[in-house]
Amino acid sequence: MSTYFKSHPNKEGFFGKYGGAFLPPQLIEQFKQIEEAYMTISKSHLFISELRSIRKHYQGRPTPVYFAQRLSEMAGGSRIYLKREDLNHMGAHKLNHTMGEGLLAKYMGKKKLIAETGAGQHGVAVATAAAYFGLEAEIHMGEVDIKKEYPNVVRMKLLGAKVVPVTHGAKTLKEAVDSAFDAYLKNPDEMLFAIGSVVGPHPYPMLVRDFQRVVGIEAREQFQEMTGELPDNLVACVGGGSNAMGLFSAFLDDDVKIFGVEPAGKSFKPGEHASTLTYGSEGVIHGFNTYLLQNDKGEPAEVYSIASGLDYPGVGPEHSFLKDEGRVNYVTANDKETLEAFFTLSRVEGIIPALESAHALAYAVKLAKETHYESILVNLSGRGDKDIDLSPKNTASAKPKLLIQITKTRNPIPGFLLCEASRDS
């Protein structure tokens, strides 16, 4: 796989049979211009130098790798390490690619960034990049997610972005993408679509992956410096899949086991999970071919996750390719496991993770209990500030709402508190 990044994707934007660019005629030329601009500036030492300066002096990179000793002892098996993307400026990995997209927009003479967001972290990152580069920002967000993740809505507005509520369909991430694309179609000459993951038409799966690779490059060097070897296992959550590709991409040539963790939600019934690679099939969504959760009509199915950033019926095409190749193992964590991991890390290590990241953490703890004397590197993709307001009054659903109860349970660490998820009757 030494030439992997030179040949994936190919010139048409495909990773094997996944990816490509299925576009309306009026956008074909626009996306060609985006690809040409990116391929030009990404090879420029001036662009690379400016992006490195931004990452060091503005974003606060490199973010550290941290050995979670108490969590590892509690799991009773392997050693768990965290790549602390929650310490990246604005609290998540998303700024890694939005600052690159902001630079690209400036180079192309664009005046505005337009984007979708689920959990709001991408929206905050786009708003941050727009403020930094002196651009306008317009963020489309589902009404359900606005209520669930309201702290991030406040941050977007504080940064000067226009937040557009999306009120049709399930009112979550897929509909936010639809809405943002519709708005972009009306005036593509003056704005750049700052897609928030390794999804969408070519060149975005490549472009976002390349900007996120800094996570894996840093982690690889840091882990070797800390331990003298590479990690035995990598774990990251997968919705669209940008944080996962950021970590995984630096280790694809190595003898390292890789796990992508999807949201199993409430159950594996249709509409109660978003485990695309586990239960999906090949299909086209938002201009690219990938694994897709579909209904009986072949349309994108309704999905659910307690983590707003993961409730997407598709997945990045490179993940689909890596699944078929057998290079990455795609597994799941459900809501209960995720919530327990959320509270466990908070109480054991003093780190409040995003609910998205808690999916990866939940699987890592399970993996640690099943293995011995191995190392597990988890991409802690964001912090949980945005999630602490998730409560019955903010869970926009007519169904029974999750009520988090903290109860004392037996635990290897005396006096430690774990959580149980129960239904509010």
Protein backbone atom coordinates (compact mmCIF):
# COMPACT_ATOMS: atom_id res chain seq x y z
CA MET A 1 0.00 0.00 0.00
CA SER A 2 3.04 2.30 -0.36
CA THR A 3 1.39 4.14 -3.26
CA TYR A 4 -2.05 4.16 -1.66
CA PHE A 5 -2.50 7.92 -1.44
CA LYS A 6 -1.33 8.46 -5.00
CA SER A 7 -3.95 6.10 -6.37
CA HIS A 8 -6.86 6.52 -3.90
CA PRO A 9 -9.00 8.08 -5.08
CA ASN A 10 -8.40 7.73 -8.81
CA LYS A 11 -8.72 10.69 -11.19
CA GLU A 12 -12.50 10.34 -11.29
CA GLY A 13 -12.70 10.40 -7.49
CA PHE A 14 -13.39 6.70 -6.90
CA PHE A 15 -12.10 4.47 -4.12
CA GLY A 16 -12.68 1.19 -5.93
CA LYS A 17 -16.34 1.48 -6.94
CA TYR A 18 -17.22 4.02 -4.24
CA GLY A 19 -17.16 7.80 -4.49
CA GLY A 20 -17.26 9.74 -7.75
CA ALA A 21 -19.22 12.90 -8.48
CA PHE A 22 -22.89 12.57 -9.46
CA LEU A 23 -23.78 16.21 -9.94
CA PRO A 24 -26.48 18.37 -11.53
CA PRO A 25 -25.16 19.97 -14.75
CA GLN A 26 -24.88 23.45 -13.21
CA LEU A 27 -22.37 22.20 -10.61
CA ILE A 28 -20.04 20.12 -12.78
CA GLU A 29 -17.82 23.05 -13.71
CA GLN A 30 -17.86 24.40 -10.14
CA PHE A 31 -16.57 21.14 -8.72
CA LYS A 32 -13.88 20.92 -11.40
CA GLN A 33 -12.71 24.37 -10.34
CA ILE A 34 -12.64 23.30 -6.68
CA GLU A 35 -10.58 20.23 -7.56
CA GLU A 36 -8.15 22.21 -9.70
CA ALA A 37 -7.75 24.89 -7.04
CA TYR A 38 -7.16 22.32 -4.30
CA MET A 39 -4.67 20.29 -6.33
CA THR A 40 -2.80 23.51 -7.12
CA ILE A 41 -2.54 25.05 -3.67
CA SER A 42 -2.11 21.78 -1.77
CA LYS A 43 1.26 21.37 -3.53
CA SER A 44 2.32 24.96 -2.85
CA HIS A 45 4.89 25.52 -0.10
CA LEU A 46 3.24 28.88 0.63
CA PHE A 47 -0.13 27.23 1.30
CA ILE A 48 1.46 24.46 3.34
CA SER A 49 3.48 26.96 5.36
CA GLU A 50 0.44 29.12 6.11
CA LEU A 51 -1.68 26.12 7.12
CA ARG A 52 1.08 24.85 9.41
CA SER A 53 1.34 28.28 11.02
CA ILE A 54 -2.43 28.37 11.59
CA ARG A 55 -2.37 24.92 13.13
CA LYS A 56 0.47 25.77 15.49
CA HIS A 57 -0.34 29.34 16.51
CA TYR A 58 -4.14 29.43 16.18
CA GLN A 59 -5.47 25.89 16.56
CA GLY A 60 -2.97 24.85 19.23
CA ARG A 61 -1.62 21.81 17.42
CA PRO A 62 -0.17 19.33 17.95
CA THR A 63 -2.81 17.96 20.31
CA PRO A 64 -1.38 15.44 22.80
CA VAL A 65 -1.69 11.69 23.10
CA TYR A 66 -2.69 10.85 26.68
CA PHE A 67 -2.40 7.53 28.54
CA ALA A 68 -5.70 6.96 30.37
CA GLN A 69 -4.20 4.99 33.25
CA ARG A 70 -7.21 4.86 35.56
CA LEU A 71 -9.56 3.98 32.72
CA SER A 72 -7.14 1.23 31.62
CA GLU A 73 -7.00 -0.17 35.16
CA MET A 74 -10.78 -0.12 35.37
CA ALA A 75 -11.10 -2.00 32.06
CA GLY A 76 -8.69 -4.57 33.46
CA GLY A 77 -7.00 -5.46 30.20
CA SER A 78 -5.05 -3.49 27.64
CA ARG A 79 -3.69 0.06 27.82
CA ILE A 80 -5.98 2.80 26.49
CA TYR A 81 -4.52 6.00 25.00
CA LEU A 82 -6.47 9.04 23.78
CA LYS A 83 -5.59 11.35 20.89
CA ARG A 84 -6.92 14.56 22.45
CA GLU A 85 -8.70 16.30 19.57
CA ASP A 86 -11.01 17.75 22.23
CA LEU A 87 -8.09 20.11 22.97
CA ASN A 88 -8.04 21.42 19.40
CA HIS A 89 -9.31 25.03 19.22
CA MET A 90 -13.13 25.06 19.51
CA GLY A 91 -13.10 21.59 21.00
CA ALA A 92 -13.14 19.13 18.10
CA HIS A 93 -11.25 17.81 15.10
CA LYS A 94 -13.45 19.73 12.66
CA LEU A 95 -11.24 22.85 12.54
CA ASN A 96 -8.51 20.74 10.88
CA HIS A 97 -10.38 20.78 7.59
CA THR A 98 -12.41 23.99 7.87
CA MET A 99 -9.27 26.13 8.16
CA GLY A 100 -8.02 24.40 5.01
CA GLU A 101 -11.36 25.03 3.31
CA GLY A 102 -11.19 28.67 4.40
CA LEU A 103 -7.76 29.03 2.80
CA LEU A 104 -9.10 27.38 -0.35
CA ALA A 105 -12.06 29.79 -0.43
CA LYS A 106 -9.74 32.80 -0.14
CA TYR A 107 -7.56 31.47 -2.95
CA MET A 108 -10.63 31.01 -5.18
CA GLY A 109 -11.93 34.50 -4.40
CA LYS A 110 -15.06 33.27 -2.63
CA LYS A 111 -16.91 35.56 -0.24
CA LYS A 112 -18.85 33.02 1.79
CA LEU A 113 -18.67 29.56 3.34
CA ILE A 114 -21.87 27.51 3.38
CA ALA A 115 -22.19 24.25 5.27
CA GLU A 116 -24.37 21.68 6.97
CA THR A 117 -23.97 20.55 10.55
CA GLY A 118 -25.39 17.83 12.79
CA ALA A 119 -23.97 18.10 16.29
CA GLY A 120 -22.95 21.68 15.56
CA GLN A 121 -19.18 21.14 15.87
CA HIS A 122 -18.68 21.45 12.12
CA GLY A 123 -20.89 24.52 12.10
CA VAL A 124 -18.82 26.10 14.85
CA ALA A 125 -15.62 25.23 12.97
CA VAL A 126 -16.94 26.76 9.73
CA ALA A 127 -18.04 29.89 11.59
CA THR A 128 -14.60 30.07 13.20
CA ALA A 129 -12.80 29.74 9.87
CA ALA A 130 -15.07 32.36 8.31
CA ALA A 131 -14.34 34.80 11.14
CA TYR A 132 -10.59 34.15 10.84
CA PHE A 133 -10.50 34.71 7.07
CA GLY A 134 -13.04 37.54 6.94
CA LEU A 135 -15.72 35.54 5.13
CA GLU A 136 -19.47 35.22 5.62
CA ALA A 137 -20.83 31.94 6.98
CA GLU A 138 -24.21 30.26 6.52
CA ILE A 139 -24.89 27.06 8.48
CA HIS A 140 -27.88 24.76 7.84
CA MET A 141 -28.91 22.68 10.85
CA GLY A 142 -31.88 20.40 11.48
CA GLU A 143 -34.45 21.67 13.94
CA VAL A 144 -34.08 18.52 16.06
CA ASP A 145 -30.32 19.05 16.31
CA ILE A 146 -30.74 22.76 17.10
CA LYS A 147 -32.72 21.78 20.19
CA LYS A 148 -30.35 18.96 21.15
CA GLU A 149 -27.14 20.91 20.63
CA TYR A 150 -28.20 24.47 21.45
CA PRO A 151 -24.86 25.51 23.04
CA ASN A 152 -23.22 25.12 19.63
CA VAL A 153 -25.97 27.19 17.99
CA VAL A 154 -25.13 30.02 20.39
CA ARG A 155 -21.44 29.72 19.53
CA MET A 156 -22.13 29.83 15.77
CA LYS A 157 -24.18 32.98 16.13
CA LEU A 158 -21.60 34.54 18.44
CA LEU A 159 -18.99 33.96 15.74
CA GLY A 160 -21.17 35.82 13.24
CA ALA A 161 -22.67 32.93 11.28
CA LYS A 162 -26.21 32.80 9.97
CA VAL A 163 -27.90 29.62 11.26
CA VAL A 164 -30.68 28.30 9.00
CA PRO A 165 -33.13 25.91 10.76
CA VAL A 166 -34.15 22.94 8.61
CA THR A 167 -37.75 21.97 9.27
CA HIS A 168 -38.53 19.24 6.72
CA GLY A 169 -38.21 15.47 6.93
CA ALA A 170 -36.52 14.09 10.03
CA LYS A 171 -35.04 17.56 10.68
CA THR A 172 -31.55 16.14 11.30
CA LEU A 173 -28.22 15.84 9.44
CA LYS A 174 -29.38 14.42 6.11
CA GLU A 175 -31.98 17.18 5.73
CA ALA A 176 -29.38 19.78 6.71
CA VAL A 177 -27.14 18.55 3.86
CA ASP A 178 -30.10 18.69 1.44
CA SER A 179 -30.93 22.22 2.51
CA ALA A 180 -27.35 23.48 2.27
CA PHE A 181 -26.94 21.96 -1.21
CA ASP A 182 -30.16 23.62 -2.37
CA ALA A 183 -28.94 27.00 -1.12
CA TYR A 184 -25.50 26.46 -2.69
CA LEU A 185 -27.08 25.69 -6.07
CA LYS A 186 -28.56 29.20 -6.17
CA ASN A 187 -25.23 31.03 -6.00
CA PRO A 188 -22.18 28.75 -6.29
CA ASP A 189 -19.95 31.44 -7.81
CA GLU A 190 -19.69 33.48 -4.62
CA MET A 191 -19.52 30.70 -2.03
CA LEU A 192 -17.60 27.52 -1.22
CA PHE A 193 -19.45 24.53 0.16
CA ALA A 194 -17.45 23.57 3.25
CA ILE A 195 -18.56 19.94 3.49
CA GLY A 196 -18.15 18.64 7.01
CA SER A 197 -16.87 15.10 6.52
CA VAL A 198 -15.21 12.72 4.05
CA VAL A 199 -18.48 12.59 2.09
CA GLY A 200 -20.01 14.33 -0.90
CA PRO A 201 -18.95 14.49 -4.54
CA HIS A 202 -15.27 14.36 -5.50
CA PRO A 203 -12.97 16.07 -4.49
CA TYR A 204 -14.39 16.45 -0.96
CA PRO A 205 -13.75 12.91 0.40
CA MET A 206 -10.10 13.33 -0.63
CA LEU A 207 -9.82 16.97 0.37
CA VAL A 208 -11.26 16.54 3.87
CA ARG A 209 -9.24 13.35 4.46
CA ASP A 210 -6.03 15.13 3.49
CA PHE A 211 -6.68 18.01 5.89
CA GLN A 212 -7.57 15.56 8.68
CA ARG A 213 -4.44 13.43 8.15
CA VAL A 214 -2.63 15.71 10.58
CA VAL A 215 -4.37 13.78 13.38
CA GLY A 216 -2.87 10.45 12.38
CA ILE A 217 0.54 11.85 11.45
CA GLU A 218 0.86 13.49 14.86
CA ALA A 219 -0.49 10.46 16.71
CA ARG A 220 1.90 8.07 14.97
CA GLU A 221 4.95 10.13 15.91
CA GLN A 222 3.71 10.81 19.46
CA PHE A 223 2.87 7.19 20.21
CA GLN A 224 6.25 5.96 19.02
CA GLU A 225 7.98 8.61 21.12
CA MET A 226 5.95 7.59 24.20
CA THR A 227 6.22 3.82 23.86
CA GLY A 228 8.89 3.02 21.28
CA GLU A 229 6.38 1.21 19.08
CA LEU A 230 3.12 1.63 17.17
CA PRO A 231 -0.26 1.00 18.82
CA ASP A 232 -1.72 -2.47 18.45
CA ASN A 233 -5.24 -1.11 17.85
CA LEU A 234 -6.85 2.09 16.56
CA VAL A 235 -10.45 3.02 17.42
CA ALA A 236 -12.57 5.94 16.16
CA CYS A 237 -16.26 6.67 15.75
CA VAL A 238 -17.74 6.71 12.24
CA GLY A 239 -20.69 8.77 11.04
CA GLY A 240 -19.52 10.41 7.84
CA GLY A 241 -16.08 9.36 8.99
CA SER A 242 -13.68 12.35 8.92
CA ASN A 243 -12.14 11.92 12.36
CA ALA A 244 -11.68 8.21 11.70
CA MET A 245 -10.00 8.75 8.32
CA GLY A 246 -7.80 11.39 9.92
CA LEU A 247 -6.45 8.83 12.38
CA PHE A 248 -6.57 5.70 10.22
CA SER A 249 -4.85 7.23 7.18
CA ALA A 250 -1.42 7.41 8.84
CA PHE A 251 -1.46 3.71 9.77
CA LEU A 252 -2.85 1.99 6.66
CA ASP A 253 0.60 0.65 5.72
CA ASP A 254 1.26 -0.67 9.23
CA ASP A 255 0.52 -3.92 11.05
CA VAL A 256 -2.11 -2.25 13.22
CA LYS A 257 -5.68 -3.43 13.80
CA ILE A 258 -8.22 -0.71 12.99
CA PHE A 259 -11.79 -0.41 14.28
CA GLY A 260 -14.44 2.07 13.12
CA VAL A 261 -17.37 2.31 15.55
CA GLU A 262 -20.88 3.02 14.24
CA PRO A 263 -23.93 4.06 16.30
CA ALA A 264 -26.18 1.10 17.13
CA GLY A 265 -28.64 3.52 18.73
CA LYS A 266 -31.64 2.04 20.52
CA SER A 267 -31.85 -1.19 18.52
CA PHE A 268 -31.07 -2.57 15.09
CA LYS A 269 -34.62 -1.98 13.92
CA PRO A 270 -34.93 0.40 10.93
CA GLY A 271 -34.96 4.01 12.07
CA GLU A 272 -33.43 3.24 15.48
CA HIS A 273 -29.74 3.17 14.52
CA ALA A 274 -27.26 4.59 11.99
CA SER A 275 -24.98 1.59 11.45
CA THR A 276 -24.48 2.14 7.73
CA LEU A 277 -21.49 -0.12 7.09
CA THR A 278 -23.00 -2.85 9.24
CA TYR A 279 -26.49 -2.96 7.72
CA GLY A 280 -26.35 -0.79 4.60
CA SER A 281 -25.99 -1.60 0.91
CA GLU A 282 -24.52 0.19 -2.09
CA GLY A 283 -26.34 3.34 -3.18
CA VAL A 284 -25.96 6.99 -4.17
CA ILE A 285 -26.54 9.87 -1.75
CA HIS A 286 -25.59 13.55 -2.00
CA GLY A 287 -23.62 13.04 -5.21
CA PHE A 288 -21.47 9.99 -4.38
CA ASN A 289 -21.71 6.20 -4.33
CA THR A 290 -21.24 4.44 -1.00
CA TYR A 291 -22.78 2.12 1.57
CA LEU A 292 -26.20 3.51 2.41
CA LEU A 293 -29.07 2.66 4.73
CA GLN A 294 -32.10 2.46 2.39
CA ASN A 295 -35.81 1.89 2.70
CA ASP A 296 -37.91 -0.46 0.54
CA LYS A 297 -38.04 2.19 -2.21
CA GLY A 298 -34.25 2.49 -2.39
CA GLU A 299 -34.36 5.93 -0.76
CA PRO A 300 -32.13 6.97 2.17
CA ALA A 301 -33.71 5.50 5.28
CA GLU A 302 -34.59 7.29 8.50
CA VAL A 303 -31.74 6.95 10.98
CA TYR A 304 -31.14 7.70 14.64
CA SER A 305 -28.25 8.26 17.03
CA ILE A 306 -28.04 9.87 20.42
CA ALA A 307 -25.01 11.67 18.92
CA SER A 308 -26.23 14.20 16.36
CA GLY A 309 -22.96 14.06 14.44
CA LEU A 310 -23.45 10.37 13.64
CA ASP A 311 -27.08 10.22 12.47
CA TYR A 312 -26.36 10.08 8.73
CA PRO A 313 -27.63 7.27 6.45
CA GLY A 314 -24.48 7.27 4.31
CA VAL A 315 -20.75 7.11 5.04
CA GLY A 316 -17.55 8.32 3.41
CA PRO A 317 -16.74 6.30 0.27
CA GLU A 318 -13.22 5.52 1.45
CA HIS A 319 -14.67 3.76 4.48
CA SER A 320 -16.83 1.66 2.14
CA PHE A 321 -13.71 0.73 0.19
CA LEU A 322 -11.70 -0.11 3.33
CA LYS A 323 -14.57 -2.30 4.56
CA ASP A 324 -14.67 -4.29 1.33
CA GLU A 325 -10.86 -4.59 1.36
CA GLY A 326 -11.00 -5.92 4.92
CA ARG A 327 -8.47 -3.34 6.13
CA VAL A 328 -10.80 -1.78 8.71
CA ASN A 329 -13.17 -3.63 11.04
CA TYR A 330 -16.49 -1.80 11.42
CA VAL A 331 -18.26 -2.48 14.70
CA THR A 332 -21.00 -0.82 16.79
CA ALA A 333 -21.78 0.71 20.18
CA ASN A 334 -25.33 1.36 21.36
CA ASP A 335 -26.74 4.30 23.32
CA LYS A 336 -26.45 2.62 26.72
CA GLU A 337 -22.81 1.65 26.18
CA THR A 338 -22.06 5.13 24.86
CA LEU A 339 -23.63 6.91 27.82
CA GLU A 340 -21.76 4.69 30.26
CA ALA A 341 -18.49 5.50 28.48
CA PHE A 342 -19.38 9.20 28.54
CA PHE A 343 -19.81 9.24 32.31
CA THR A 344 -16.98 6.81 32.98
CA LEU A 345 -14.32 8.92 31.25
CA SER A 346 -15.67 12.05 32.90
CA ARG A 347 -15.45 10.59 36.40
CA VAL A 348 -12.32 8.44 36.03
CA GLU A 349 -10.10 10.75 33.97
CA GLY A 350 -11.68 14.20 34.31
CA ILE A 351 -12.31 14.40 30.56
CA ILE A 352 -15.85 15.02 29.27
CA PRO A 353 -16.03 13.49 25.77
CA ALA A 354 -18.45 14.29 22.98
CA LEU A 355 -21.18 11.68 22.62
CA GLU A 356 -19.76 10.91 19.18
CA SER A 357 -16.34 10.15 20.69
CA ALA A 358 -17.96 8.17 23.51
CA HIS A 359 -19.03 5.56 20.93
CA ALA A 360 -15.36 4.88 20.16
CA LEU A 361 -14.52 4.92 23.84
CA ALA A 362 -17.25 2.40 24.62
CA TYR A 363 -15.85 -0.05 22.09
CA ALA A 364 -12.27 0.57 23.26
CA VAL A 365 -13.20 -0.38 26.84
CA LYS A 366 -14.86 -3.56 25.55
CA LEU A 367 -11.80 -4.33 23.42
CA ALA A 368 -9.48 -3.71 26.37
CA LYS A 369 -11.36 -6.29 28.43
CA GLU A 370 -11.01 -8.85 25.63
CA THR A 371 -7.30 -8.33 24.99
CA HIS A 372 -4.23 -8.40 27.24
CA TYR A 373 -0.98 -6.45 27.17
CA GLU A 374 -2.05 -4.60 24.01
CA SER A 375 -2.33 -0.88 23.36
CA ILE A 376 -5.46 0.87 22.09
CA LEU A 377 -5.33 4.38 20.64
CA VAL A 378 -8.72 6.12 20.58
CA ASN A 379 -9.40 9.27 18.62
CA LEU A 380 -11.20 11.43 21.18
CA SER A 381 -12.64 13.54 18.39
CA GLY A 382 -14.31 16.24 20.51
CA ARG A 383 -15.36 17.43 23.93
CA GLY A 384 -18.79 17.07 25.47
CA ASP A 385 -19.66 20.66 26.35
CA LYS A 386 -22.23 20.64 23.57
CA ASP A 387 -23.92 17.53 24.99
CA ILE A 388 -24.36 18.47 28.64
CA ASP A 389 -27.62 20.30 27.89
CA LEU A 390 -29.09 17.11 26.37
CA SER A 391 -32.10 16.53 28.60
CA PRO A 392 -35.81 15.69 28.25
CA LYS A 393 -36.71 19.31 27.51
CA ASN A 394 -34.14 19.47 24.70
CA THR A 395 -34.63 16.05 23.14
CA ALA A 396 -36.96 16.98 20.31
CA SER A 397 -39.04 13.85 19.84
CA ALA A 398 -42.58 12.71 20.51
CA LYS A 399 -41.17 9.39 21.73
CA PRO A 400 -40.21 8.72 25.37
CA LYS A 401 -37.09 10.73 26.17
CA LEU A 402 -33.80 9.60 27.63
CA LEU A 403 -33.27 10.52 31.24
CA ILE A 404 -29.74 10.07 32.50
CA GLN A 405 -29.53 8.79 36.06
CA ILE A 406 -26.28 8.47 37.95
CA THR A 407 -26.31 5.55 40.37
CA LYS A 408 -23.68 3.88 42.52
CA THR A 409 -22.58 0.55 41.13
CA ARG A 410 -19.87 -1.97 41.88
CA ASN A 411 -16.67 -1.00 40.16
CA PRO A 412 -12.98 -1.94 40.26
CA ILE A 413 -12.27 1.59 41.50
CA PRO A 414 -13.96 2.04 44.93
CA GLY A 415 -16.53 4.79 45.15
CA PHE A 416 -16.68 5.34 41.42
CA LEU A 417 -20.02 6.20 39.83
CA LEU A 418 -21.31 4.74 36.61
CA CYS A 419 -24.45 5.68 34.76
CA GLU A 420 -27.54 3.86 33.70
CA ALA A 421 -29.88 5.00 30.96
CA SER A 422 -33.57 4.66 31.68
CA ARG A 423 -36.77 5.78 30.07
CA ASP A 424 -38.75 8.71 31.40
CA SER A 425 -42.23 7.26 31.79
